[in-house]
Every structure is written in C-alpha cells, then in structure tokens.
Amino acid sequence: MKQLIHFTEDVDFKENVKAMICQNIKKYRKEKGIRLMDLAEQLDVSVNHLKRIEAKNDRNNISLMTLYKISILLDVRIDKFFEEEENSI
C-alpha cells in the first residue's frame, strides 16, 4: 500500500510559491506590453485587485481560475507562472 505524503503548514513555502507566481504574472504582462488596467478590464476585476494579485507580499491568494484566465489573456502556458528565475526570490 502506498504511503501518503503529509505536508505541514510551511509559511515560507507558500509565500515563495505565491511570490514566484506574482512575479511571473507581472513579468509576462510587461513583456506583452499590456497595461495593468487593460488586463484588469479583460479579467473583469478592479485594477486594485490585479495590483494585489501581482504583489508578492499580499496575503491574498490567486484562484486557479483567475490564473488560468490570465494565462489565456497573456498567451502564456500556465506552468510558466511556476518557473523560478535565476537570482530571484
């Protein structure tokens, strides 16, 4: 029988993953030349909400559906948001 892996509450792990995702959303949005307000409008969210999504130190998490929509709008594979850049985070 396979043994289950149990993850403990590791705040650093969660913050690093969120920071990586946020950093990549902002990076790809800027690479595509899309303004924050334009992406917010396409996502049907407020500019402030999108600013919080892109903020590494914001405590709110991004939903998978919102990340999926962002990946479609930016034409970026969703797994790219989980890639850590060298010399970052």
N, C-alpha and C. Protein backbone atom coordinates (compact mmCIF):
# COMPACT_ATOMS: atom_id res chain seq x y z
N MET A 1 0.84 -1.18 0.00
CA MET A 1 0.00 0.00 0.00
C MET A 1 0.89 1.25 0.00
N LYS A 2 0.52 2.21 -0.83
CA LYS A 2 1.29 3.44 -0.94
C LYS A 2 1.11 4.30 0.30
N GLN A 3 2.22 4.87 0.77
CA GLN A 3 2.16 5.75 1.92
C GLN A 3 1.86 7.17 1.44
N LEU A 4 0.96 7.83 2.13
CA LEU A 4 0.61 9.21 1.78
C LEU A 4 1.66 10.17 2.31
N ILE A 5 1.91 11.19 1.55
CA ILE A 5 2.82 12.25 1.96
C ILE A 5 1.99 13.33 2.62
N HIS A 6 2.40 13.76 3.79
CA HIS A 6 1.68 14.83 4.50
C HIS A 6 2.51 16.09 4.49
N PHE A 7 1.89 17.16 4.02
CA PHE A 7 2.55 18.45 4.02
C PHE A 7 2.17 19.19 5.29
N THR A 8 3.12 19.81 5.90
CA THR A 8 2.84 20.62 7.08
C THR A 8 2.65 22.05 6.64
N GLU A 9 2.10 22.86 7.53
CA GLU A 9 1.94 24.28 7.24
C GLU A 9 3.32 24.93 7.23
N ASP A 10 3.78 25.29 6.08
CA ASP A 10 5.09 25.91 5.95
C ASP A 10 4.88 27.27 5.29
N VAL A 11 4.85 28.32 6.08
CA VAL A 11 4.54 29.66 5.59
C VAL A 11 5.54 30.11 4.53
N ASP A 12 6.83 29.84 4.74
CA ASP A 12 7.83 30.25 3.76
C ASP A 12 7.56 29.62 2.40
N PHE A 13 7.20 28.34 2.39
CA PHE A 13 6.91 27.65 1.14
C PHE A 13 5.76 28.33 0.42
N LYS A 14 4.67 28.60 1.11
CA LYS A 14 3.52 29.24 0.48
C LYS A 14 3.88 30.63 -0.05
N GLU A 15 4.60 31.40 0.72
CA GLU A 15 4.95 32.74 0.29
C GLU A 15 5.87 32.70 -0.92
N ASN A 16 6.78 31.76 -0.95
CA ASN A 16 7.69 31.68 -2.10
C ASN A 16 6.94 31.30 -3.37
N VAL A 17 6.01 30.37 -3.27
CA VAL A 17 5.24 29.98 -4.45
C VAL A 17 4.39 31.15 -4.93
N LYS A 18 3.72 31.83 -4.02
CA LYS A 18 2.90 32.97 -4.40
C LYS A 18 3.77 34.08 -4.99
N ALA A 19 4.92 34.34 -4.38
CA ALA A 19 5.81 35.38 -4.89
C ALA A 19 6.28 35.05 -6.30
N MET A 20 6.57 33.78 -6.54
CA MET A 20 7.02 33.35 -7.87
C MET A 20 5.90 33.56 -8.90
N ILE A 21 4.70 33.15 -8.56
CA ILE A 21 3.56 33.31 -9.47
C ILE A 21 3.32 34.79 -9.76
N CYS A 22 3.29 35.60 -8.70
CA CYS A 22 3.04 37.04 -8.85
C CYS A 22 4.10 37.72 -9.72
N GLN A 23 5.34 37.37 -9.46
CA GLN A 23 6.45 37.93 -10.22
C GLN A 23 6.31 37.57 -11.70
N ASN A 24 5.93 36.33 -11.97
CA ASN A 24 5.80 35.89 -13.36
C ASN A 24 4.60 36.51 -14.06
N ILE A 25 3.50 36.69 -13.36
CA ILE A 25 2.34 37.36 -13.96
C ILE A 25 2.76 38.76 -14.42
N LYS A 26 3.40 39.48 -13.52
CA LYS A 26 3.83 40.84 -13.84
C LYS A 26 4.85 40.84 -14.98
N LYS A 27 5.80 39.90 -14.93
CA LYS A 27 6.84 39.81 -15.97
C LYS A 27 6.21 39.58 -17.35
N TYR A 28 5.33 38.59 -17.46
CA TYR A 28 4.73 38.28 -18.76
C TYR A 28 3.78 39.38 -19.22
N ARG A 29 3.08 40.02 -18.29
CA ARG A 29 2.20 41.13 -18.67
C ARG A 29 3.02 42.25 -19.29
N LYS A 30 4.15 42.57 -18.65
CA LYS A 30 5.01 43.64 -19.16
C LYS A 30 5.67 43.25 -20.48
N GLU A 31 6.11 41.99 -20.60
CA GLU A 31 6.71 41.51 -21.85
C GLU A 31 5.74 41.65 -23.01
N LYS A 32 4.45 41.43 -22.74
CA LYS A 32 3.43 41.52 -23.79
C LYS A 32 3.00 42.97 -24.02
N GLY A 33 3.47 43.88 -23.18
CA GLY A 33 3.11 45.29 -23.33
C GLY A 33 1.67 45.58 -22.97
N ILE A 34 1.14 44.83 -22.02
CA ILE A 34 -0.25 45.01 -21.60
C ILE A 34 -0.27 45.81 -20.30
N ARG A 35 -1.03 46.88 -20.31
CA ARG A 35 -1.14 47.71 -19.11
C ARG A 35 -1.98 47.00 -18.06
N LEU A 36 -1.69 47.30 -16.81
CA LEU A 36 -2.40 46.72 -15.68
C LEU A 36 -3.91 46.95 -15.81
N MET A 37 -4.28 48.17 -16.16
CA MET A 37 -5.71 48.49 -16.26
C MET A 37 -6.39 47.72 -17.40
N ASP A 38 -5.67 47.46 -18.48
CA ASP A 38 -6.26 46.72 -19.60
C ASP A 38 -6.47 45.25 -19.24
N LEU A 39 -5.49 44.66 -18.57
CA LEU A 39 -5.64 43.26 -18.15
C LEU A 39 -6.75 43.14 -17.11
N ALA A 40 -6.82 44.08 -16.18
CA ALA A 40 -7.88 44.06 -15.17
C ALA A 40 -9.25 44.12 -15.83
N GLU A 41 -9.37 44.97 -16.84
CA GLU A 41 -10.66 45.09 -17.55
C GLU A 41 -11.01 43.77 -18.25
N GLN A 42 -10.02 43.15 -18.89
CA GLN A 42 -10.28 41.88 -19.58
C GLN A 42 -10.64 40.77 -18.60
N LEU A 43 -10.07 40.83 -17.39
CA LEU A 43 -10.37 39.83 -16.36
C LEU A 43 -11.67 40.13 -15.63
N ASP A 44 -12.19 41.34 -15.83
CA ASP A 44 -13.37 41.83 -15.13
C ASP A 44 -13.12 41.91 -13.62
N VAL A 45 -11.93 42.45 -13.27
CA VAL A 45 -11.59 42.71 -11.88
C VAL A 45 -11.13 44.15 -11.77
N SER A 46 -11.08 44.67 -10.57
CA SER A 46 -10.61 46.04 -10.39
C SER A 46 -9.09 46.09 -10.57
N VAL A 47 -8.60 47.27 -10.88
CA VAL A 47 -7.16 47.46 -11.01
C VAL A 47 -6.50 47.16 -9.67
N ASN A 48 -7.13 47.58 -8.57
CA ASN A 48 -6.57 47.32 -7.25
C ASN A 48 -6.47 45.82 -6.96
N HIS A 49 -7.46 45.07 -7.40
CA HIS A 49 -7.42 43.61 -7.20
C HIS A 49 -6.25 43.01 -7.98
N LEU A 50 -6.06 43.44 -9.20
CA LEU A 50 -4.95 42.92 -10.01
C LEU A 50 -3.61 43.36 -9.42
N LYS A 51 -3.54 44.57 -8.89
CA LYS A 51 -2.32 45.02 -8.22
C LYS A 51 -1.99 44.09 -7.05
N ARG A 52 -3.02 43.71 -6.29
CA ARG A 52 -2.80 42.79 -5.16
C ARG A 52 -2.37 41.42 -5.65
N ILE A 53 -2.92 40.97 -6.78
CA ILE A 53 -2.51 39.67 -7.34
C ILE A 53 -1.02 39.71 -7.69
N GLU A 54 -0.56 40.81 -8.25
CA GLU A 54 0.84 40.93 -8.67
C GLU A 54 1.78 41.26 -7.51
N ALA A 55 1.24 41.60 -6.36
CA ALA A 55 2.07 41.97 -5.21
C ALA A 55 2.53 40.71 -4.47
N LYS A 56 3.86 40.49 -4.42
CA LYS A 56 4.40 39.29 -3.78
C LYS A 56 4.06 39.20 -2.30
N ASN A 57 3.95 40.34 -1.64
CA ASN A 57 3.75 40.31 -0.20
C ASN A 57 2.30 40.46 0.22
N ASP A 58 1.36 40.42 -0.71
CA ASP A 58 -0.06 40.46 -0.37
C ASP A 58 -0.47 39.09 0.17
N ARG A 59 -1.28 39.07 1.19
CA ARG A 59 -1.66 37.81 1.84
C ARG A 59 -2.74 37.04 1.08
N ASN A 60 -3.44 37.68 0.17
CA ASN A 60 -4.50 37.00 -0.58
C ASN A 60 -3.90 36.09 -1.64
N ASN A 61 -4.52 34.96 -1.84
CA ASN A 61 -4.07 34.02 -2.86
C ASN A 61 -4.86 34.22 -4.14
N ILE A 62 -4.26 33.85 -5.24
CA ILE A 62 -4.93 33.93 -6.54
C ILE A 62 -5.66 32.60 -6.77
N SER A 63 -6.87 32.68 -7.31
CA SER A 63 -7.60 31.46 -7.60
C SER A 63 -7.03 30.80 -8.86
N LEU A 64 -7.20 29.52 -8.94
CA LEU A 64 -6.73 28.78 -10.11
C LEU A 64 -7.44 29.27 -11.36
N MET A 65 -8.73 29.58 -11.25
CA MET A 65 -9.49 30.07 -12.40
C MET A 65 -8.95 31.42 -12.88
N THR A 66 -8.61 32.30 -11.96
CA THR A 66 -8.05 33.60 -12.34
C THR A 66 -6.69 33.42 -13.00
N LEU A 67 -5.87 32.54 -12.45
CA LEU A 67 -4.56 32.27 -13.06
C LEU A 67 -4.73 31.70 -14.45
N TYR A 68 -5.70 30.82 -14.62
CA TYR A 68 -5.99 30.23 -15.93
C TYR A 68 -6.41 31.32 -16.93
N LYS A 69 -7.28 32.21 -16.50
CA LYS A 69 -7.72 33.31 -17.38
C LYS A 69 -6.54 34.21 -17.77
N ILE A 70 -5.69 34.50 -16.79
CA ILE A 70 -4.51 35.32 -17.07
C ILE A 70 -3.61 34.63 -18.09
N SER A 71 -3.44 33.32 -17.94
CA SER A 71 -2.59 32.58 -18.88
C SER A 71 -3.15 32.65 -20.30
N ILE A 72 -4.45 32.60 -20.43
CA ILE A 72 -5.09 32.70 -21.75
C ILE A 72 -4.92 34.11 -22.31
N LEU A 73 -5.22 35.12 -21.49
CA LEU A 73 -5.13 36.50 -21.96
C LEU A 73 -3.71 36.92 -22.31
N LEU A 74 -2.72 36.38 -21.58
CA LEU A 74 -1.33 36.72 -21.87
C LEU A 74 -0.69 35.75 -22.86
N ASP A 75 -1.44 34.72 -23.24
CA ASP A 75 -0.95 33.69 -24.15
C ASP A 75 0.35 33.07 -23.62
N VAL A 76 0.27 32.64 -22.35
CA VAL A 76 1.40 32.02 -21.66
C VAL A 76 0.89 30.72 -21.04
N ARG A 77 1.62 29.63 -21.27
CA ARG A 77 1.23 28.36 -20.65
C ARG A 77 1.21 28.53 -19.14
N ILE A 78 0.22 27.96 -18.49
CA ILE A 78 0.04 28.16 -17.05
C ILE A 78 1.25 27.67 -16.24
N ASP A 79 1.94 26.66 -16.70
CA ASP A 79 3.11 26.16 -15.95
C ASP A 79 4.24 27.17 -15.92
N LYS A 80 4.25 28.11 -16.85
CA LYS A 80 5.31 29.14 -16.88
C LYS A 80 5.25 30.04 -15.65
N PHE A 81 4.08 30.17 -15.04
CA PHE A 81 3.94 31.01 -13.85
C PHE A 81 4.61 30.39 -12.63
N PHE A 82 4.92 29.10 -12.71
CA PHE A 82 5.52 28.38 -11.58
C PHE A 82 7.03 28.22 -11.75
N GLU A 83 7.61 28.82 -12.77
CA GLU A 83 9.06 28.71 -13.01
C GLU A 83 9.78 29.80 -12.26
N GLU A 84 10.77 29.39 -11.51
CA GLU A 84 11.58 30.33 -10.75
C GLU A 84 12.73 30.82 -11.61
N GLU A 85 12.90 32.13 -11.64
CA GLU A 85 14.01 32.73 -12.39
C GLU A 85 15.27 32.60 -11.56
N GLU A 86 16.40 32.51 -12.24
CA GLU A 86 17.67 32.52 -11.53
C GLU A 86 17.85 33.86 -10.84
N ASN A 87 18.48 33.84 -9.67
CA ASN A 87 18.75 35.05 -8.88
C ASN A 87 17.49 35.78 -8.47
N SER A 88 16.43 35.00 -8.20
CA SER A 88 15.19 35.64 -7.73
C SER A 88 14.68 34.92 -6.51
N ILE A 89 13.74 35.53 -5.88
CA ILE A 89 13.04 35.03 -4.68
C ILE A 89 13.95 34.55 -3.65
